[in-house]
Amino acid sequence: MTHDLLEEQRLHLARLLEAIQRCAWFLHQSDGKLEWPIDAAQLEAQKKDVDLFETLAAINERFAKLQDSLASAMRHSALLMGEPTDSFLKVLAFFEKQGVVESMDDWQRCRMVRNMAAHDYATDYSEIAEHFNLLHDLSKMLFQTARRLLDICHRLIGIEPASSDFTNEFERIFA
């Protein structure tokens, strides 16, 4: 029975790693539809462009999903590595020491930027442009974090994504 529970937990992490690859790829694809940086004048001139604002909404959502998936996988992999998981700050500190997360401050910045969008319905196009330019810049850090997390899970506990459905697409992000 204990072996089955452990195997279930390993499979759960493998599924989380696959979800990370999928989230990263979709975020990267949405991000690639736009010319960066975006500016307030462009947004104001295209304020009724449904495709543009659907792409921006997708970037917002996919950024949040990627960070949430990374957080879940970090907590779960730390548990399987025998590390303390009673607080997410301990999990972050562990992965910072392992070189997976560049800095806890950067992680928290990502969290703050995405949370601002969830509660802010601004119509100030300069604020909207600044927000999305920040998400664009911070996405690169999340992509690198994802790559390093997948690597450490493979090296230390031998766990890979549950399927290779998004492996090639995920690797193309870094090409």
N, C-alpha and C. Protein backbone atom coordinates (compact mmCIF):
# COMPACT_ATOMS: atom_id res chain seq x y z
N MET A 1 0.82 -1.20 0.00
CA MET A 1 0.00 0.00 0.00
C MET A 1 0.86 1.26 0.00
N THR A 2 1.92 1.30 0.81
CA THR A 2 2.78 2.47 0.85
C THR A 2 3.41 2.73 -0.51
N HIS A 3 3.82 1.65 -1.18
CA HIS A 3 4.40 1.80 -2.51
C HIS A 3 3.40 2.44 -3.46
N ASP A 4 2.14 2.04 -3.39
CA ASP A 4 1.12 2.60 -4.26
C ASP A 4 0.93 4.10 -4.00
N LEU A 5 0.95 4.50 -2.72
CA LEU A 5 0.80 5.92 -2.39
C LEU A 5 1.97 6.72 -2.95
N LEU A 6 3.16 6.19 -2.80
CA LEU A 6 4.33 6.87 -3.33
C LEU A 6 4.24 6.96 -4.85
N GLU A 7 3.83 5.89 -5.48
CA GLU A 7 3.70 5.90 -6.94
C GLU A 7 2.63 6.90 -7.38
N GLU A 8 1.55 7.00 -6.63
CA GLU A 8 0.51 8.00 -6.94
C GLU A 8 1.08 9.41 -6.87
N GLN A 9 1.88 9.66 -5.85
CA GLN A 9 2.47 11.00 -5.68
C GLN A 9 3.47 11.30 -6.78
N ARG A 10 4.23 10.32 -7.19
CA ARG A 10 5.18 10.50 -8.29
C ARG A 10 4.43 10.79 -9.60
N LEU A 11 3.35 10.07 -9.83
CA LEU A 11 2.53 10.29 -11.02
C LEU A 11 1.88 11.68 -11.00
N HIS A 12 1.44 12.10 -9.83
CA HIS A 12 0.86 13.45 -9.70
C HIS A 12 1.90 14.51 -10.09
N LEU A 13 3.13 14.36 -9.62
CA LEU A 13 4.18 15.31 -9.98
C LEU A 13 4.46 15.25 -11.48
N ALA A 14 4.49 14.06 -12.05
CA ALA A 14 4.73 13.92 -13.49
C ALA A 14 3.66 14.67 -14.28
N ARG A 15 2.43 14.59 -13.81
CA ARG A 15 1.33 15.32 -14.49
C ARG A 15 1.50 16.83 -14.32
N LEU A 16 1.95 17.26 -13.15
CA LEU A 16 2.20 18.69 -12.94
C LEU A 16 3.32 19.18 -13.87
N LEU A 17 4.35 18.36 -14.05
CA LEU A 17 5.45 18.75 -14.93
C LEU A 17 4.98 18.86 -16.38
N GLU A 18 4.11 17.96 -16.78
CA GLU A 18 3.53 18.06 -18.12
C GLU A 18 2.68 19.33 -18.25
N ALA A 19 1.92 19.64 -17.21
CA ALA A 19 1.09 20.85 -17.23
C ALA A 19 1.97 22.09 -17.34
N ILE A 20 3.12 22.08 -16.69
CA ILE A 20 4.06 23.20 -16.78
C ILE A 20 4.53 23.38 -18.22
N GLN A 21 4.90 22.30 -18.86
CA GLN A 21 5.33 22.39 -20.26
C GLN A 21 4.21 22.97 -21.13
N ARG A 22 3.02 22.48 -20.92
CA ARG A 22 1.87 22.95 -21.71
C ARG A 22 1.60 24.43 -21.44
N CYS A 23 1.57 24.83 -20.17
CA CYS A 23 1.32 26.24 -19.82
C CYS A 23 2.39 27.15 -20.41
N ALA A 24 3.64 26.74 -20.30
CA ALA A 24 4.74 27.56 -20.82
C ALA A 24 4.61 27.72 -22.33
N TRP A 25 4.31 26.63 -23.01
CA TRP A 25 4.22 26.70 -24.47
C TRP A 25 3.08 27.62 -24.91
N PHE A 26 1.90 27.48 -24.28
CA PHE A 26 0.78 28.33 -24.66
C PHE A 26 1.05 29.80 -24.33
N LEU A 27 1.68 30.07 -23.18
CA LEU A 27 2.04 31.45 -22.86
C LEU A 27 3.01 31.99 -23.90
N HIS A 28 4.00 31.21 -24.25
CA HIS A 28 4.99 31.62 -25.24
C HIS A 28 4.33 31.90 -26.59
N GLN A 29 3.38 31.06 -26.99
CA GLN A 29 2.68 31.25 -28.26
C GLN A 29 1.85 32.53 -28.25
N SER A 30 1.14 32.78 -27.17
CA SER A 30 0.34 34.01 -27.08
C SER A 30 1.25 35.24 -27.08
N ASP A 31 2.32 35.18 -26.32
CA ASP A 31 3.29 36.27 -26.25
C ASP A 31 3.88 36.57 -27.63
N GLY A 32 4.09 35.54 -28.42
CA GLY A 32 4.68 35.70 -29.74
C GLY A 32 3.76 36.36 -30.77
N LYS A 33 2.49 36.51 -30.44
CA LYS A 33 1.56 37.16 -31.37
C LYS A 33 1.70 38.67 -31.38
N LEU A 34 2.42 39.22 -30.39
CA LEU A 34 2.50 40.68 -30.26
C LEU A 34 3.92 41.17 -30.49
N GLU A 35 4.01 42.43 -30.91
CA GLU A 35 5.30 43.12 -31.01
C GLU A 35 5.57 43.78 -29.66
N TRP A 36 6.72 43.49 -29.08
CA TRP A 36 7.06 44.03 -27.76
C TRP A 36 8.14 45.08 -27.89
N PRO A 37 8.16 46.08 -27.03
CA PRO A 37 7.16 46.38 -26.01
C PRO A 37 5.91 47.00 -26.62
N ILE A 38 4.80 46.86 -25.91
CA ILE A 38 3.58 47.52 -26.35
C ILE A 38 3.53 48.89 -25.66
N ASP A 39 2.81 49.82 -26.28
CA ASP A 39 2.74 51.15 -25.65
C ASP A 39 1.30 51.63 -25.56
N ALA A 40 1.11 52.65 -24.74
CA ALA A 40 -0.22 53.18 -24.47
C ALA A 40 -0.92 53.66 -25.73
N ALA A 41 -0.18 54.34 -26.61
CA ALA A 41 -0.79 54.86 -27.83
C ALA A 41 -1.33 53.73 -28.69
N GLN A 42 -0.58 52.65 -28.79
CA GLN A 42 -1.02 51.48 -29.57
C GLN A 42 -2.31 50.90 -28.98
N LEU A 43 -2.33 50.75 -27.65
CA LEU A 43 -3.51 50.18 -27.00
C LEU A 43 -4.73 51.08 -27.16
N GLU A 44 -4.51 52.38 -27.02
CA GLU A 44 -5.64 53.30 -27.16
C GLU A 44 -6.17 53.32 -28.59
N ALA A 45 -5.25 53.28 -29.55
CA ALA A 45 -5.65 53.29 -30.96
C ALA A 45 -6.40 52.01 -31.32
N GLN A 46 -6.11 50.92 -30.62
CA GLN A 46 -6.73 49.62 -30.92
C GLN A 46 -7.66 49.16 -29.79
N LYS A 47 -8.25 50.09 -29.07
CA LYS A 47 -9.03 49.75 -27.89
C LYS A 47 -10.26 48.89 -28.17
N LYS A 48 -10.65 48.78 -29.43
CA LYS A 48 -11.79 47.91 -29.78
C LYS A 48 -11.36 46.68 -30.57
N ASP A 49 -10.07 46.42 -30.59
CA ASP A 49 -9.52 45.27 -31.32
C ASP A 49 -9.66 44.02 -30.45
N VAL A 50 -10.68 43.25 -30.74
CA VAL A 50 -10.98 42.06 -29.94
C VAL A 50 -9.81 41.08 -29.94
N ASP A 51 -9.19 40.85 -31.10
CA ASP A 51 -8.08 39.90 -31.16
C ASP A 51 -6.93 40.34 -30.25
N LEU A 52 -6.60 41.62 -30.27
CA LEU A 52 -5.52 42.13 -29.42
C LEU A 52 -5.85 41.91 -27.95
N PHE A 53 -7.04 42.30 -27.54
CA PHE A 53 -7.38 42.20 -26.12
C PHE A 53 -7.65 40.76 -25.68
N GLU A 54 -8.07 39.89 -26.59
CA GLU A 54 -8.15 38.47 -26.25
C GLU A 54 -6.76 37.89 -26.06
N THR A 55 -5.81 38.31 -26.88
CA THR A 55 -4.43 37.86 -26.71
C THR A 55 -3.87 38.34 -25.38
N LEU A 56 -4.12 39.60 -25.04
CA LEU A 56 -3.65 40.12 -23.76
C LEU A 56 -4.29 39.37 -22.58
N ALA A 57 -5.57 39.08 -22.69
CA ALA A 57 -6.25 38.32 -21.64
C ALA A 57 -5.65 36.92 -21.52
N ALA A 58 -5.33 36.31 -22.65
CA ALA A 58 -4.72 34.98 -22.63
C ALA A 58 -3.35 35.03 -21.97
N ILE A 59 -2.57 36.06 -22.26
CA ILE A 59 -1.25 36.20 -21.64
C ILE A 59 -1.41 36.32 -20.13
N ASN A 60 -2.34 37.14 -19.70
CA ASN A 60 -2.59 37.33 -18.27
C ASN A 60 -2.93 36.00 -17.60
N GLU A 61 -3.87 35.29 -18.19
CA GLU A 61 -4.32 34.02 -17.61
C GLU A 61 -3.22 32.97 -17.65
N ARG A 62 -2.52 32.87 -18.76
CA ARG A 62 -1.50 31.82 -18.91
C ARG A 62 -0.29 32.08 -18.03
N PHE A 63 0.06 33.34 -17.83
CA PHE A 63 1.13 33.69 -16.90
C PHE A 63 0.76 33.20 -15.49
N ALA A 64 -0.47 33.50 -15.07
CA ALA A 64 -0.94 33.07 -13.74
C ALA A 64 -0.97 31.55 -13.63
N LYS A 65 -1.46 30.89 -14.66
CA LYS A 65 -1.52 29.42 -14.64
C LYS A 65 -0.13 28.81 -14.56
N LEU A 66 0.81 29.38 -15.31
CA LEU A 66 2.18 28.86 -15.27
C LEU A 66 2.77 29.03 -13.89
N GLN A 67 2.61 30.20 -13.29
CA GLN A 67 3.18 30.40 -11.97
C GLN A 67 2.51 29.49 -10.94
N ASP A 68 1.20 29.34 -11.02
CA ASP A 68 0.49 28.44 -10.10
C ASP A 68 0.94 26.99 -10.28
N SER A 69 1.11 26.57 -11.52
CA SER A 69 1.56 25.20 -11.79
C SER A 69 2.97 24.98 -11.27
N LEU A 70 3.83 25.97 -11.47
CA LEU A 70 5.19 25.88 -10.94
C LEU A 70 5.17 25.77 -9.41
N ALA A 71 4.35 26.58 -8.76
CA ALA A 71 4.27 26.55 -7.30
C ALA A 71 3.81 25.18 -6.81
N SER A 72 2.78 24.64 -7.45
CA SER A 72 2.29 23.31 -7.06
C SER A 72 3.36 22.24 -7.25
N ALA A 73 4.03 22.29 -8.39
CA ALA A 73 5.06 21.29 -8.67
C ALA A 73 6.26 21.45 -7.73
N MET A 74 6.62 22.68 -7.41
CA MET A 74 7.74 22.88 -6.47
C MET A 74 7.40 22.30 -5.10
N ARG A 75 6.21 22.60 -4.62
CA ARG A 75 5.80 22.07 -3.31
C ARG A 75 5.78 20.54 -3.34
N HIS A 76 5.21 20.00 -4.40
CA HIS A 76 5.09 18.55 -4.48
C HIS A 76 6.45 17.87 -4.64
N SER A 77 7.31 18.44 -5.45
CA SER A 77 8.63 17.83 -5.63
C SER A 77 9.47 17.97 -4.36
N ALA A 78 9.33 19.10 -3.65
CA ALA A 78 10.05 19.25 -2.38
C ALA A 78 9.61 18.17 -1.40
N LEU A 79 8.33 17.90 -1.36
CA LEU A 79 7.81 16.84 -0.49
C LEU A 79 8.44 15.49 -0.85
N LEU A 80 8.49 15.18 -2.14
CA LEU A 80 9.10 13.91 -2.58
C LEU A 80 10.60 13.88 -2.36
N MET A 81 11.24 15.04 -2.26
CA MET A 81 12.67 15.12 -1.99
C MET A 81 12.96 15.13 -0.48
N GLY A 82 11.91 15.08 0.33
CA GLY A 82 12.09 15.06 1.77
C GLY A 82 12.37 16.42 2.38
N GLU A 83 12.02 17.46 1.68
CA GLU A 83 12.25 18.83 2.17
C GLU A 83 10.99 19.34 2.88
N PRO A 84 11.18 20.31 3.80
CA PRO A 84 10.01 20.88 4.49
C PRO A 84 9.08 21.59 3.52
N THR A 85 7.77 21.35 3.67
CA THR A 85 6.79 21.98 2.79
C THR A 85 5.67 22.66 3.58
N ASP A 86 5.89 22.86 4.88
CA ASP A 86 4.84 23.45 5.71
C ASP A 86 4.57 24.91 5.37
N SER A 87 5.52 25.57 4.73
CA SER A 87 5.28 26.94 4.26
C SER A 87 5.89 27.08 2.87
N PHE A 88 5.20 27.82 2.01
CA PHE A 88 5.72 27.96 0.66
C PHE A 88 7.02 28.75 0.63
N LEU A 89 7.22 29.63 1.61
CA LEU A 89 8.50 30.36 1.67
C LEU A 89 9.67 29.41 1.88
N LYS A 90 9.46 28.35 2.66
CA LYS A 90 10.52 27.34 2.84
C LYS A 90 10.78 26.61 1.52
N VAL A 91 9.70 26.32 0.80
CA VAL A 91 9.83 25.66 -0.51
C VAL A 91 10.61 26.56 -1.46
N LEU A 92 10.24 27.85 -1.51
CA LEU A 92 10.94 28.81 -2.37
C LEU A 92 12.41 28.92 -1.98
N ALA A 93 12.68 28.98 -0.68
CA ALA A 93 14.07 29.09 -0.21
C ALA A 93 14.88 27.87 -0.65
N PHE A 94 14.28 26.69 -0.56
CA PHE A 94 14.96 25.47 -0.99
C PHE A 94 15.30 25.54 -2.48
N PHE A 95 14.30 25.94 -3.29
CA PHE A 95 14.54 25.98 -4.74
C PHE A 95 15.44 27.14 -5.16
N GLU A 96 15.49 28.18 -4.36
CA GLU A 96 16.46 29.25 -4.62
C GLU A 96 17.88 28.72 -4.39
N LYS A 97 18.06 27.97 -3.29
CA LYS A 97 19.39 27.38 -3.00
C LYS A 97 19.80 26.38 -4.07
N GLN A 98 18.83 25.71 -4.66
CA GLN A 98 19.11 24.72 -5.70
C GLN A 98 19.32 25.36 -7.07
N GLY A 99 19.07 26.67 -7.16
CA GLY A 99 19.25 27.37 -8.43
C GLY A 99 18.06 27.26 -9.38
N VAL A 100 16.94 26.76 -8.89
CA VAL A 100 15.75 26.64 -9.73
C VAL A 100 15.08 28.01 -9.85
N VAL A 101 14.91 28.67 -8.72
CA VAL A 101 14.35 30.02 -8.66
C VAL A 101 15.54 30.97 -8.52
N GLU A 102 15.62 31.96 -9.41
CA GLU A 102 16.74 32.89 -9.34
C GLU A 102 16.75 33.66 -8.04
N SER A 103 15.59 34.16 -7.63
CA SER A 103 15.50 34.84 -6.33
C SER A 103 14.06 34.81 -5.86
N MET A 104 13.92 34.71 -4.55
CA MET A 104 12.58 34.74 -3.97
C MET A 104 11.91 36.08 -4.27
N ASP A 105 12.69 37.15 -4.31
CA ASP A 105 12.13 38.47 -4.61
C ASP A 105 11.52 38.51 -6.01
N ASP A 106 12.21 37.93 -6.99
CA ASP A 106 11.66 37.89 -8.35
C ASP A 106 10.36 37.10 -8.40
N TRP A 107 10.34 35.98 -7.67
CA TRP A 107 9.12 35.16 -7.62
C TRP A 107 7.97 35.99 -7.05
N GLN A 108 8.25 36.71 -5.97
CA GLN A 108 7.22 37.51 -5.33
C GLN A 108 6.78 38.66 -6.24
N ARG A 109 7.72 39.24 -7.02
CA ARG A 109 7.36 40.28 -7.98
C ARG A 109 6.37 39.74 -9.01
N CYS A 110 6.64 38.55 -9.51
CA CYS A 110 5.71 37.91 -10.46
C CYS A 110 4.33 37.79 -9.83
N ARG A 111 4.30 37.36 -8.62
CA ARG A 111 3.04 37.17 -7.91
C ARG A 111 2.30 38.50 -7.77
N MET A 112 3.03 39.54 -7.41
CA MET A 112 2.41 40.85 -7.22
C MET A 112 1.88 41.41 -8.54
N VAL A 113 2.65 41.28 -9.61
CA VAL A 113 2.22 41.81 -10.91
C VAL A 113 0.97 41.10 -11.39
N ARG A 114 0.95 39.79 -11.28
CA ARG A 114 -0.24 39.07 -11.75
C ARG A 114 -1.43 39.33 -10.86
N ASN A 115 -1.23 39.50 -9.56
CA ASN A 115 -2.36 39.78 -8.66
C ASN A 115 -2.93 41.16 -8.89
N MET A 116 -2.09 42.11 -9.26
CA MET A 116 -2.59 43.46 -9.56
C MET A 116 -3.58 43.41 -10.71
N ALA A 117 -3.28 42.62 -11.71
CA ALA A 117 -4.17 42.53 -12.88
C ALA A 117 -5.49 41.87 -12.52
N ALA A 118 -5.44 40.94 -11.60
CA ALA A 118 -6.66 40.23 -11.22
C ALA A 118 -7.66 41.14 -10.51
N HIS A 119 -7.17 42.23 -9.93
CA HIS A 119 -8.05 43.10 -9.15
C HIS A 119 -8.13 44.51 -9.69
N ASP A 120 -7.52 44.77 -10.83
CA ASP A 120 -7.47 46.12 -11.37
C ASP A 120 -8.14 46.14 -12.74
N TYR A 121 -9.12 47.00 -12.87
CA TYR A 121 -9.83 47.12 -14.13
C TYR A 121 -9.53 48.49 -14.75
N ALA A 122 -8.26 48.77 -14.89
CA ALA A 122 -7.80 50.08 -15.34
C ALA A 122 -8.20 50.36 -16.79
N THR A 123 -8.42 51.62 -17.04
CA THR A 123 -8.62 52.06 -18.43
C THR A 123 -7.52 53.04 -18.82
N ASP A 124 -6.53 53.17 -17.95
CA ASP A 124 -5.36 54.00 -18.24
C ASP A 124 -4.43 53.14 -19.10
N TYR A 125 -4.34 53.48 -20.37
CA TYR A 125 -3.60 52.63 -21.31
C TYR A 125 -2.10 52.57 -21.01
N SER A 126 -1.55 53.59 -20.37
CA SER A 126 -0.13 53.52 -20.00
C SER A 126 0.07 52.49 -18.89
N GLU A 127 -0.87 52.40 -17.94
CA GLU A 127 -0.78 51.38 -16.89
C GLU A 127 -0.97 49.98 -17.47
N ILE A 128 -1.89 49.85 -18.39
CA ILE A 128 -2.13 48.54 -19.02
C ILE A 128 -0.89 48.11 -19.80
N ALA A 129 -0.30 49.02 -20.55
CA ALA A 129 0.91 48.70 -21.32
C ALA A 129 2.04 48.31 -20.37
N GLU A 130 2.21 49.07 -19.30
CA GLU A 130 3.27 48.76 -18.33
C GLU A 130 3.08 47.36 -17.74
N HIS A 131 1.84 47.06 -17.39
CA HIS A 131 1.53 45.74 -16.83
C HIS A 131 1.93 44.61 -17.79
N PHE A 132 1.50 44.72 -19.04
CA PHE A 132 1.78 43.64 -19.98
C PHE A 132 3.25 43.58 -20.37
N ASN A 133 3.93 44.71 -20.42
CA ASN A 133 5.37 44.68 -20.67
C ASN A 133 6.10 44.00 -19.52
N LEU A 134 5.63 44.22 -18.28
CA LEU A 134 6.21 43.52 -17.13
C LEU A 134 5.97 42.01 -17.23
N LEU A 135 4.74 41.62 -17.57
CA LEU A 135 4.44 40.19 -17.73
C LEU A 135 5.35 39.57 -18.80
N HIS A 136 5.51 40.29 -19.90
CA HIS A 136 6.38 39.81 -20.98
C HIS A 136 7.80 39.58 -20.46
N ASP A 137 8.34 40.56 -19.76
CA ASP A 137 9.71 40.44 -19.23
C ASP A 137 9.82 39.33 -18.19
N LEU A 138 8.84 39.24 -17.30
CA LEU A 138 8.87 38.24 -16.23
C LEU A 138 8.61 36.82 -16.75
N SER A 139 7.94 36.71 -17.89
CA SER A 139 7.69 35.38 -18.47
C SER A 139 8.98 34.64 -18.73
N LYS A 140 9.99 35.36 -19.16
CA LYS A 140 11.29 34.72 -19.44
C LYS A 140 11.84 34.05 -18.18
N MET A 141 11.67 34.71 -17.03
CA MET A 141 12.13 34.14 -15.77
C MET A 141 11.32 32.89 -15.43
N LEU A 142 10.00 32.93 -15.66
CA LEU A 142 9.19 31.75 -15.38
C LEU A 142 9.55 30.59 -16.30
N PHE A 143 9.84 30.89 -17.57
CA PHE A 143 10.26 29.83 -18.49
C PHE A 143 11.55 29.16 -18.00
N GLN A 144 12.51 29.96 -17.58
CA GLN A 144 13.77 29.42 -17.08
C GLN A 144 13.56 28.62 -15.79
N THR A 145 12.69 29.12 -14.92
CA THR A 145 12.36 28.39 -13.69
C THR A 145 11.76 27.04 -14.04
N ALA A 146 10.86 27.03 -15.01
CA ALA A 146 10.23 25.78 -15.43
C ALA A 146 11.28 24.79 -15.94
N ARG A 147 12.16 25.29 -16.75
CA ARG A 147 13.20 24.41 -17.32
C ARG A 147 14.08 23.81 -16.21
N ARG A 148 14.49 24.66 -15.27
CA ARG A 148 15.35 24.19 -14.18
C ARG A 148 14.61 23.24 -13.24
N LEU A 149 13.30 23.49 -13.03
CA LEU A 149 12.53 22.58 -12.18
C LEU A 149 12.41 21.21 -12.82
N LEU A 150 12.12 21.17 -14.11
CA LEU A 150 12.06 19.88 -14.80
C LEU A 150 13.39 19.15 -14.71
N ASP A 151 14.47 19.89 -14.85
CA ASP A 151 15.80 19.29 -14.78
C ASP A 151 16.08 18.70 -13.40
N ILE A 152 15.79 19.45 -12.34
CA ILE A 152 16.10 18.96 -10.99
C ILE A 152 15.21 17.77 -10.63
N CYS A 153 13.97 17.78 -11.10
CA CYS A 153 13.09 16.63 -10.84
C CYS A 153 13.63 15.38 -11.53
N HIS A 154 14.16 15.55 -12.71
CA HIS A 154 14.76 14.41 -13.42
C HIS A 154 16.02 13.93 -12.70
N ARG A 155 16.91 14.87 -12.37
CA ARG A 155 18.20 14.51 -11.76
C ARG A 155 18.07 13.94 -10.35
N LEU A 156 17.25 14.56 -9.51
CA LEU A 156 17.24 14.17 -8.10
C LEU A 156 16.22 13.09 -7.76
N ILE A 157 15.09 13.05 -8.46
CA ILE A 157 14.08 12.05 -8.10
C ILE A 157 13.59 11.23 -9.29
N GLY A 158 14.23 11.44 -10.44
CA GLY A 158 13.93 10.61 -11.61
C GLY A 158 12.52 10.75 -12.15
N ILE A 159 11.93 11.93 -12.02
CA ILE A 159 10.56 12.11 -12.50
C ILE A 159 10.56 13.06 -13.69
N GLU A 160 9.90 12.61 -14.74
CA GLU A 160 9.77 13.36 -16.00
C GLU A 160 8.29 13.71 -16.20
N PRO A 161 7.98 14.60 -17.13
CA PRO A 161 6.57 14.86 -17.44
C PRO A 161 5.84 13.56 -17.80
N ALA A 162 4.56 13.48 -17.45
CA ALA A 162 3.77 12.26 -17.64
C ALA A 162 3.73 11.80 -19.09
N SER A 163 3.75 12.75 -20.02
CA SER A 163 3.83 12.39 -21.43
C SER A 163 4.78 13.37 -22.11
N SER A 164 5.16 13.03 -23.30
CA SER A 164 6.07 13.92 -24.04
C SER A 164 5.30 14.79 -25.04
N ASP A 165 3.98 14.91 -24.84
CA ASP A 165 3.14 15.65 -25.78
C ASP A 165 3.62 17.08 -26.03
N PHE A 166 4.17 17.73 -25.00
CA PHE A 166 4.59 19.12 -25.14
C PHE A 166 6.10 19.31 -24.99
N THR A 167 6.85 18.22 -24.93
CA THR A 167 8.29 18.33 -24.71
C THR A 167 8.99 19.08 -25.82
N ASN A 168 8.72 18.75 -27.08
CA ASN A 168 9.38 19.44 -28.19
C ASN A 168 9.00 20.91 -28.23
N GLU A 169 7.73 21.20 -28.02
CA GLU A 169 7.26 22.59 -28.02
C GLU A 169 7.92 23.37 -26.88
N PHE A 170 8.00 22.74 -25.71
CA PHE A 170 8.62 23.38 -24.56
C PHE A 170 10.09 23.68 -24.85
N GLU A 171 10.80 22.74 -25.43
CA GLU A 171 12.22 22.96 -25.73
C GLU A 171 12.43 24.05 -26.78
N ARG A 172 11.48 24.21 -27.68
CA ARG A 172 11.60 25.26 -28.71
C ARG A 172 11.55 26.67 -28.11
N ILE A 173 10.97 26.80 -26.92
CA ILE A 173 10.94 28.10 -26.25
C ILE A 173 12.37 28.61 -26.05
N PHE A 174 13.30 27.69 -25.84
CA PHE A 174 14.68 28.05 -25.49
C PHE A 174 15.62 28.04 -26.69
N ALA A 175 15.10 27.71 -27.86
CA ALA A 175 15.95 27.62 -29.05
C ALA A 175 16.34 28.99 -29.59
